[in-house]
Amino acid sequence: MIVHKMKGWIQRTLRPETFLKARYRAFKALLQADTSAHEALADLQEMAYSSSMIKVAQPLLATYERLRNAINDMIDQLLLMAPSNPSYQGLLEIFQRIDMQIRDRLMNGASNGDIKPVMHLIDHLNLTNASHASFMPFECRSMHDIIRFVHEKAVWEMFSSTSQIGAVKKGAKRLKTELPFELYLLDMGGGLAHNIGDENPVDISAVRSTPFLALWNGMSHASIQWAADRPHFDWKAFAENVSAEGITNSTSADYASYAVISADYMNLNIKFGYHFSVIDSLCVKDASHNYILFSFTGGGAGLSGRMLRIHFLTDVLKHSGFEVTQRQDNLQARINWLEQGEIQEKLQTLGRLLAVTRLMDMVIVDKDTATAWAVQFLKGKDDLMQDKVGKND
């Protein structure tokens, strides 16, 4: 265990690209196991609750075996994703304890194919609120609880990968863009066209990542005025003026934004001066795996302006179906279980949001304005600050 943790630390610290790719592979394997677990769970529920189903012991035991093997694989993959996270280390022991209780009862009473007496240990869901303090491994009381916990934590581990993304230089390709920031892409597989070879920088036409392209379509939409009839904030010049923050020049890769992408996955850490955002999303055919996590924090204005911008974001996101939590000028939002097309639509909305809010804390004056701008944005209007920006930036 100690050797495993040390190996994980070395990869995260010295070889972040290798670590991110290994974490992504484990995440994809975990999702496959999650699908298998839900299929087996549904079959067991059919056996337990369907009056028309012929119930015999052997198919029942074989189906349960499918369930336990899939859950065991999920746990293994989560531990590969986060080998040094101590809160997961007791998960396997809890799984084994619940498994032993189920097996003992099945072996003693399943000769007639009746699984109902143990279904509370299989399909009852106790962990319903992932944000509650009780969402912990030791609160798992059923196999369904473990499935829920592992899947939730796997998504969170991918979201938190942003702490390693900025350390990745080798293998990342700069995106050609006229937007006023540097953006580097690290491909996990299928995120970029195969024929680009050593080409660097790369054009947006070489990107194959479905979630990234959806977000980019929003950010680069024709209605977004990055530099048209009003001046935009010169982020690159700004970088040269904040060297005290560790930024030494306008082309510093440390100041750039980074995205880890694959054909169906994106983790983007995007920086605009004093505020930054993280967007983590999976967009696949199976809607039960699809999600978007969004984090927004900071700003160059005073607390009042930053809080008014958060008010605007909260209004827009809630009306768009996101669950939103907020503490001061830090906002977290989430949406789950949407079809591919719906996830793409939400990502495009987030892309527009990133663009229109980049200076909003500098110019917004009151909550009524924030509310009115949110209404206009939801109607498709993006030039919300055209009469404001230019006086304060």
Protein backbone atom coordinates (compact mmCIF):
# COMPACT_ATOMS: atom_id res chain seq x y z
CA MET A 1 0.00 0.00 0.00
CA ILE A 2 2.84 2.40 0.91
CA VAL A 3 4.65 1.57 -2.35
CA HIS A 4 1.39 2.17 -4.28
CA LYS A 5 0.91 5.57 -2.64
CA MET A 6 4.54 6.53 -3.30
CA LYS A 7 4.19 5.58 -6.97
CA GLY A 8 1.08 7.74 -7.22
CA TRP A 9 2.87 10.68 -5.60
CA ILE A 10 5.84 10.37 -7.99
CA GLN A 11 3.53 10.33 -11.02
CA ARG A 12 1.50 13.32 -9.83
CA THR A 13 4.59 15.35 -8.98
CA LEU A 14 7.19 14.37 -11.56
CA ARG A 15 5.08 12.98 -14.40
CA PRO A 16 1.71 14.75 -14.26
CA GLU A 17 0.90 13.86 -17.88
CA THR A 18 1.32 10.15 -17.11
CA PHE A 19 -0.76 10.52 -13.95
CA LEU A 20 -3.61 12.28 -15.75
CA LYS A 21 -3.74 9.68 -18.49
CA ALA A 22 -3.72 6.83 -15.98
CA ARG A 23 -6.46 8.54 -13.96
CA TYR A 24 -8.55 9.02 -17.11
CA ARG A 25 -8.17 5.34 -18.12
CA ALA A 26 -9.25 4.26 -14.63
CA PHE A 27 -12.23 6.64 -14.81
CA LYS A 28 -13.40 5.15 -18.12
CA ALA A 29 -12.98 1.61 -16.78
CA LEU A 30 -14.94 2.60 -13.67
CA LEU A 31 -17.81 3.90 -15.79
CA GLN A 32 -17.93 0.62 -17.71
CA ALA A 33 -18.09 -1.29 -14.42
CA ASP A 34 -20.78 1.13 -13.22
CA THR A 35 -22.91 0.27 -16.25
CA SER A 36 -22.45 -3.46 -15.58
CA ALA A 37 -23.37 -2.97 -11.91
CA HIS A 38 -26.59 -1.12 -12.77
CA GLU A 39 -27.55 -3.81 -15.30
CA ALA A 40 -27.05 -6.56 -12.72
CA LEU A 41 -28.91 -4.51 -10.10
CA ALA A 42 -31.87 -4.12 -12.46
CA ASP A 43 -31.90 -7.86 -13.13
CA LEU A 44 -31.93 -8.62 -9.39
CA GLN A 45 -34.77 -6.16 -8.86
CA GLU A 46 -36.70 -7.91 -11.62
CA MET A 47 -36.13 -11.26 -9.91
CA ALA A 48 -37.18 -9.89 -6.53
CA TYR A 49 -40.25 -7.87 -7.48
CA SER A 50 -41.66 -9.37 -10.68
CA SER A 51 -44.46 -11.86 -10.10
CA SER A 52 -44.12 -13.30 -13.60
CA MET A 53 -40.42 -14.13 -13.40
CA ILE A 54 -39.41 -17.74 -12.82
CA LYS A 55 -37.16 -17.67 -9.79
CA VAL A 56 -34.41 -20.26 -9.43
CA ALA A 57 -31.33 -20.24 -7.24
CA GLN A 58 -28.54 -20.55 -9.82
CA PRO A 59 -29.44 -17.60 -12.08
CA LEU A 60 -30.02 -15.56 -8.94
CA LEU A 61 -26.57 -16.36 -7.54
CA ALA A 62 -24.92 -15.82 -10.93
CA THR A 63 -26.61 -12.44 -11.28
CA TYR A 64 -25.52 -11.41 -7.82
CA GLU A 65 -21.99 -12.50 -8.70
CA ARG A 66 -22.11 -10.13 -11.71
CA LEU A 67 -23.14 -7.32 -9.39
CA ARG A 68 -20.44 -7.89 -6.79
CA ASN A 69 -17.70 -8.29 -9.41
CA ALA A 70 -18.71 -5.05 -11.10
CA ILE A 71 -18.75 -3.15 -7.78
CA ASN A 72 -15.41 -4.63 -6.78
CA ASP A 73 -13.98 -3.42 -10.08
CA MET A 74 -15.42 0.07 -9.48
CA ILE A 75 -13.69 0.25 -6.11
CA ASP A 76 -10.38 -0.95 -7.60
CA GLN A 77 -10.54 1.75 -10.28
CA LEU A 78 -11.37 4.49 -7.75
CA LEU A 79 -8.33 3.48 -5.70
CA LEU A 80 -6.22 3.68 -8.86
CA MET A 81 -7.58 7.16 -9.52
CA ALA A 82 -6.80 8.36 -5.99
CA PRO A 83 -4.24 6.02 -4.38
CA SER A 84 -3.33 8.46 -1.63
CA ASN A 85 -6.84 9.49 -0.55
CA PRO A 86 -7.26 8.02 2.94
CA SER A 87 -11.04 8.38 2.94
CA TYR A 88 -11.37 5.61 0.34
CA GLN A 89 -9.13 3.04 1.99
CA GLY A 90 -11.88 1.52 4.15
CA LEU A 91 -14.29 1.19 1.23
CA LEU A 92 -13.17 -2.29 0.21
CA GLU A 93 -13.63 -3.58 3.76
CA ILE A 94 -17.18 -2.18 3.91
CA PHE A 95 -17.96 -3.77 0.55
CA GLN A 96 -16.66 -7.14 1.75
CA ARG A 97 -18.72 -6.96 4.94
CA ILE A 98 -21.97 -6.25 3.07
CA ASP A 99 -21.09 -8.93 0.51
CA MET A 100 -20.56 -11.51 3.26
CA GLN A 101 -23.95 -10.70 4.82
CA ILE A 102 -25.67 -11.14 1.46
CA ARG A 103 -23.84 -14.36 0.62
CA ASP A 104 -24.60 -15.94 3.99
CA ARG A 105 -28.32 -15.23 3.63
CA LEU A 106 -28.43 -16.31 0.00
CA MET A 107 -26.66 -19.58 0.70
CA ASN A 108 -28.98 -20.32 3.61
CA GLY A 109 -32.26 -19.25 2.04
CA ALA A 110 -31.91 -18.95 -1.70
CA SER A 111 -32.62 -22.55 -2.63
CA ASN A 112 -36.14 -21.48 -3.62
CA GLY A 113 -34.87 -18.50 -5.58
CA ASP A 114 -36.25 -15.91 -3.14
CA ILE A 115 -33.98 -12.86 -2.92
CA LYS A 116 -36.42 -10.45 -1.31
CA PRO A 117 -35.10 -10.96 2.25
CA VAL A 118 -31.71 -9.50 1.25
CA MET A 119 -32.79 -6.77 -1.16
CA HIS A 120 -32.40 -4.11 1.53
CA LEU A 121 -28.69 -4.95 1.45
CA ILE A 122 -28.63 -4.73 -2.33
CA ASP A 123 -30.85 -2.03 -3.78
CA HIS A 124 -31.87 0.26 -0.91
CA LEU A 125 -30.28 3.70 -1.40
CA ASN A 126 -29.36 5.49 1.82
CA LEU A 127 -26.77 7.92 0.41
CA THR A 128 -29.01 10.31 -1.46
CA ASN A 129 -27.28 13.66 -0.82
CA ALA A 130 -23.69 13.84 -2.05
CA SER A 131 -23.15 17.24 -0.42
CA HIS A 132 -24.19 16.08 3.06
CA ALA A 133 -21.61 15.30 5.74
CA SER A 134 -22.99 11.74 5.94
CA PHE A 135 -21.86 10.99 2.39
CA MET A 136 -18.99 8.81 3.63
CA PRO A 137 -17.88 5.19 3.05
CA PHE A 138 -18.84 4.08 6.55
CA GLU A 139 -22.43 5.22 5.91
CA CYS A 140 -22.82 2.72 3.04
CA ARG A 141 -25.46 0.17 4.05
CA SER A 142 -26.08 -1.51 0.70
CA MET A 143 -24.46 -2.34 -2.62
CA HIS A 144 -26.45 0.48 -4.18
CA ASP A 145 -24.91 2.89 -1.67
CA ILE A 146 -21.42 1.78 -2.69
CA ILE A 147 -22.23 2.19 -6.41
CA ARG A 148 -23.51 5.70 -5.73
CA PHE A 149 -20.57 6.66 -3.53
CA VAL A 150 -17.88 5.36 -5.89
CA HIS A 151 -19.42 6.94 -8.98
CA GLU A 152 -19.81 10.30 -7.23
CA LYS A 153 -16.26 10.31 -5.92
CA ALA A 154 -14.85 9.26 -9.29
CA VAL A 155 -16.51 12.27 -10.91
CA TRP A 156 -15.13 14.50 -8.16
CA GLU A 157 -11.62 13.08 -8.61
CA MET A 158 -11.75 13.95 -12.31
CA PHE A 159 -12.97 17.44 -11.48
CA SER A 160 -10.13 17.90 -9.00
CA SER A 161 -7.58 16.87 -11.65
CA THR A 162 -7.34 20.58 -12.37
CA SER A 163 -4.65 20.76 -9.67
CA GLN A 164 -2.37 18.68 -11.92
CA ILE A 165 -3.35 20.21 -15.28
CA GLY A 166 -1.34 23.40 -14.83
CA ALA A 167 1.80 21.31 -14.24
CA VAL A 168 1.49 19.65 -17.65
CA LYS A 169 3.73 21.19 -20.29
CA LYS A 170 5.10 18.19 -22.19
CA GLY A 171 2.63 16.79 -24.69
CA ALA A 172 0.21 19.72 -24.51
CA LYS A 173 -0.55 21.59 -27.73
CA ARG A 174 -1.42 25.26 -27.92
CA LEU A 175 -4.73 26.10 -29.59
CA LYS A 176 -4.63 28.74 -32.31
CA THR A 177 -7.20 31.33 -31.36
CA GLU A 178 -7.89 35.02 -31.73
CA LEU A 179 -9.49 35.07 -28.31
CA PRO A 180 -7.33 37.00 -25.83
CA PHE A 181 -5.82 34.14 -23.86
CA GLU A 182 -3.44 31.20 -24.28
CA LEU A 183 -5.02 27.73 -24.18
CA TYR A 184 -3.18 24.40 -24.16
CA LEU A 185 -4.78 21.03 -24.92
CA LEU A 186 -3.64 17.68 -23.54
CA ASP A 187 -5.21 14.79 -25.44
CA MET A 188 -6.15 11.64 -23.53
CA GLY A 189 -7.13 9.89 -26.75
CA GLY A 190 -9.54 10.91 -29.49
CA GLY A 191 -9.59 14.55 -28.46
CA LEU A 192 -7.49 15.67 -31.41
CA ALA A 193 -7.32 14.51 -35.03
CA HIS A 194 -4.93 11.59 -35.60
CA ASN A 195 -3.13 13.21 -38.52
CA ILE A 196 -1.81 16.32 -36.74
CA GLY A 197 1.45 14.63 -35.74
CA ASP A 198 3.88 17.08 -34.18
CA GLU A 199 1.90 20.11 -35.36
CA ASN A 200 1.89 22.76 -32.65
CA PRO A 201 -0.05 25.03 -32.32
CA VAL A 202 -3.22 23.37 -33.64
CA ASP A 203 -6.33 24.85 -35.20
CA ILE A 204 -9.80 24.33 -33.73
CA SER A 205 -10.59 22.21 -36.82
CA ALA A 206 -8.20 19.57 -35.41
CA VAL A 207 -10.21 19.23 -32.17
CA ARG A 208 -12.52 16.19 -31.95
CA SER A 209 -13.66 16.49 -28.32
CA THR A 210 -17.45 16.77 -28.26
CA PRO A 211 -17.73 18.64 -24.92
CA PHE A 212 -14.85 20.99 -25.68
CA LEU A 213 -16.26 21.90 -29.09
CA ALA A 214 -19.67 22.60 -27.55
CA LEU A 215 -18.11 24.92 -24.97
CA TRP A 216 -15.93 26.58 -27.61
CA ASN A 217 -18.95 27.19 -29.83
CA GLY A 218 -20.41 29.23 -26.99
CA MET A 219 -17.22 31.13 -26.23
CA SER A 220 -16.56 31.98 -29.88
CA HIS A 221 -20.18 32.60 -30.87
CA ALA A 222 -20.64 35.45 -33.34
CA SER A 223 -22.73 37.37 -30.80
CA ILE A 224 -19.84 37.51 -28.31
CA GLN A 225 -17.98 40.83 -28.53
CA TRP A 226 -14.45 40.01 -27.47
CA ALA A 227 -12.94 42.90 -29.38
CA ALA A 228 -15.42 44.25 -31.89
CA ASP A 229 -16.94 47.66 -31.14
CA ARG A 230 -15.55 47.98 -27.65
CA PRO A 231 -12.10 47.37 -26.16
CA HIS A 232 -11.50 44.07 -24.40
CA PHE A 233 -9.26 43.71 -21.40
CA ASP A 234 -5.71 42.92 -22.55
CA TRP A 235 -5.06 39.81 -20.47
CA LYS A 236 -1.60 39.30 -21.92
CA ALA A 237 -0.52 42.83 -21.02
CA PHE A 238 -2.12 42.31 -17.62
CA ALA A 239 0.10 39.27 -17.09
CA GLU A 240 3.19 41.42 -17.39
CA ASN A 241 1.92 43.72 -14.65
CA VAL A 242 1.30 41.09 -12.02
CA SER A 243 4.69 39.41 -11.85
CA ALA A 244 4.42 39.59 -8.07
CA GLU A 245 1.84 36.83 -8.43
CA GLY A 246 4.45 34.64 -10.10
CA ILE A 247 3.66 35.53 -13.71
CA THR A 248 6.75 36.70 -15.50
CA ASN A 249 5.67 37.43 -19.07
CA SER A 250 2.70 37.50 -21.39
CA THR A 251 3.47 34.13 -22.98
CA SER A 252 4.16 32.28 -19.74
CA ALA A 253 2.68 28.78 -19.85
CA ASP A 254 2.08 29.16 -16.12
CA TYR A 255 -0.48 31.85 -16.90
CA ALA A 256 -2.16 29.91 -19.70
CA SER A 257 -5.42 27.98 -19.53
CA TYR A 258 -5.35 24.20 -19.89
CA ALA A 259 -7.79 21.55 -21.05
CA VAL A 260 -7.51 17.79 -20.72
CA ILE A 261 -9.67 16.33 -23.48
CA SER A 262 -10.75 13.09 -25.12
CA ALA A 263 -13.44 12.36 -27.67
CA ASP A 264 -16.14 12.55 -24.98
CA TYR A 265 -14.45 14.20 -21.98
CA MET A 266 -13.13 17.63 -21.00
CA ASN A 267 -11.54 19.16 -17.92
CA LEU A 268 -10.86 22.84 -18.58
CA ASN A 269 -9.10 25.26 -16.24
CA ILE A 270 -9.50 28.73 -17.73
CA LYS A 271 -7.99 31.90 -16.28
CA PHE A 272 -9.05 35.49 -16.82
CA GLY A 273 -6.84 37.80 -14.79
CA TYR A 274 -7.84 37.46 -11.12
CA HIS A 275 -10.65 34.96 -11.58
CA PHE A 276 -10.69 31.45 -12.93
CA SER A 277 -13.16 28.72 -13.79
CA VAL A 278 -13.07 24.94 -14.01
CA ILE A 279 -15.44 22.95 -16.21
CA ASP A 280 -15.42 19.16 -16.08
CA SER A 281 -17.80 17.25 -18.35
CA LEU A 282 -18.50 13.83 -19.79
CA CYS A 283 -20.68 13.59 -22.89
CA VAL A 284 -21.42 10.00 -23.97
CA LYS A 285 -24.35 8.00 -25.35
CA ASP A 286 -25.29 6.67 -21.90
CA ALA A 287 -27.12 9.61 -20.28
CA SER A 288 -26.68 8.09 -16.81
CA HIS A 289 -22.96 8.90 -17.04
CA ASN A 290 -23.26 12.41 -18.42
CA TYR A 291 -22.56 15.42 -16.24
CA ILE A 292 -21.16 18.93 -16.09
CA LEU A 293 -19.36 20.34 -13.05
CA PHE A 294 -18.61 24.06 -13.04
CA SER A 295 -16.58 26.13 -10.59
CA PHE A 296 -16.14 29.92 -10.68
CA THR A 297 -14.16 31.98 -8.23
CA GLY A 298 -12.31 35.26 -7.76
CA GLY A 299 -12.26 38.57 -9.62
CA GLY A 300 -10.40 41.84 -9.84
CA ALA A 301 -13.14 44.10 -8.44
CA GLY A 302 -14.18 44.58 -4.84
CA LEU A 303 -16.32 42.03 -3.03
CA SER A 304 -19.55 43.84 -3.96
CA GLY A 305 -18.88 43.57 -7.69
CA ARG A 306 -17.77 39.94 -7.40
CA MET A 307 -20.91 39.03 -5.44
CA LEU A 308 -23.18 40.74 -7.98
CA ARG A 309 -21.54 38.73 -10.75
CA ILE A 310 -22.13 35.56 -8.72
CA HIS A 311 -25.79 36.62 -8.40
CA PHE A 312 -26.00 36.90 -12.18
CA LEU A 313 -24.36 33.49 -12.68
CA THR A 314 -26.62 31.86 -10.10
CA ASP A 315 -29.77 33.18 -11.79
CA VAL A 316 -28.69 31.98 -15.22
CA LEU A 317 -27.47 28.57 -14.06
CA LYS A 318 -30.54 27.79 -11.95
CA HIS A 319 -32.85 28.74 -14.82
CA SER A 320 -30.74 26.45 -17.02
CA GLY A 321 -31.34 23.46 -14.74
CA PHE A 322 -28.08 23.44 -12.73
CA GLU A 323 -27.86 22.77 -9.02
CA VAL A 324 -25.93 25.70 -7.58
CA THR A 325 -24.11 26.21 -4.29
CA GLN A 326 -22.32 29.42 -3.37
CA ARG A 327 -20.04 30.71 -0.66
CA GLN A 328 -18.95 34.35 -0.98
CA ASP A 329 -17.49 34.75 -4.50
CA ASN A 330 -17.04 31.02 -5.04
CA LEU A 331 -19.73 29.22 -7.02
CA GLN A 332 -20.15 25.51 -7.73
CA ALA A 333 -22.75 24.21 -10.18
CA ARG A 334 -23.70 20.78 -11.42
CA ILE A 335 -26.06 19.06 -13.82
CA ASN A 336 -26.39 15.30 -14.42
CA TRP A 337 -28.01 12.58 -16.49
CA LEU A 338 -28.78 14.51 -19.66
CA GLU A 339 -28.69 13.19 -23.21
CA GLN A 340 -25.66 14.06 -25.34
CA GLY A 341 -27.43 16.85 -27.20
CA GLU A 342 -28.66 18.44 -23.98
CA ILE A 343 -25.17 18.33 -22.44
CA GLN A 344 -23.82 20.06 -25.53
CA GLU A 345 -26.48 22.77 -25.25
CA LYS A 346 -25.60 23.39 -21.58
CA LEU A 347 -21.89 23.57 -22.42
CA GLN A 348 -22.56 26.09 -25.13
CA THR A 349 -24.44 28.18 -22.58
CA LEU A 350 -21.47 27.93 -20.21
CA GLY A 351 -19.17 29.05 -23.01
CA ARG A 352 -21.27 32.17 -23.52
CA LEU A 353 -21.32 32.74 -19.76
CA LEU A 354 -17.53 32.59 -19.52
CA ALA A 355 -17.29 35.20 -22.25
CA VAL A 356 -19.90 37.69 -21.07
CA THR A 357 -18.89 37.62 -17.38
CA ARG A 358 -15.17 38.21 -17.83
CA LEU A 359 -15.38 41.90 -16.81
CA MET A 360 -18.80 41.97 -15.24
CA ASP A 361 -17.57 42.42 -11.67
CA MET A 362 -15.88 45.66 -12.75
CA VAL A 363 -19.02 47.31 -14.11
CA ILE A 364 -22.12 45.81 -12.50
CA VAL A 365 -23.77 48.27 -10.11
CA ASP A 366 -26.62 46.55 -8.26
CA LYS A 367 -28.69 43.38 -7.88
CA ASP A 368 -31.49 44.69 -10.09
CA THR A 369 -28.99 45.03 -12.92
CA ALA A 370 -27.70 41.50 -12.31
CA THR A 371 -31.25 40.13 -12.45
CA ALA A 372 -32.13 42.10 -15.58
CA TRP A 373 -28.94 40.98 -17.35
CA ALA A 374 -29.69 37.34 -16.44
CA VAL A 375 -33.12 37.63 -18.06
CA GLN A 376 -31.60 39.17 -21.20
CA PHE A 377 -28.87 36.52 -21.37
CA LEU A 378 -31.41 33.70 -21.15
CA LYS A 379 -33.21 35.30 -24.10
CA GLY A 380 -30.01 35.07 -26.15
CA LYS A 381 -28.55 38.56 -25.64
CA ASP A 382 -24.78 38.57 -25.09
CA ASP A 383 -23.77 42.25 -25.36
CA LEU A 384 -25.01 42.99 -21.84
CA MET A 385 -22.32 45.49 -20.91
CA GLN A 386 -21.98 47.42 -24.16
CA ASP A 387 -22.95 50.68 -22.47
CA LYS A 388 -20.82 50.03 -19.42
CA VAL A 389 -17.49 48.51 -20.45
CA GLY A 390 -14.80 50.96 -21.48
CA LYS A 391 -15.32 53.31 -18.56
CA ASN A 392 -13.91 51.01 -15.92
CA ASP A 393 -11.40 48.77 -17.69
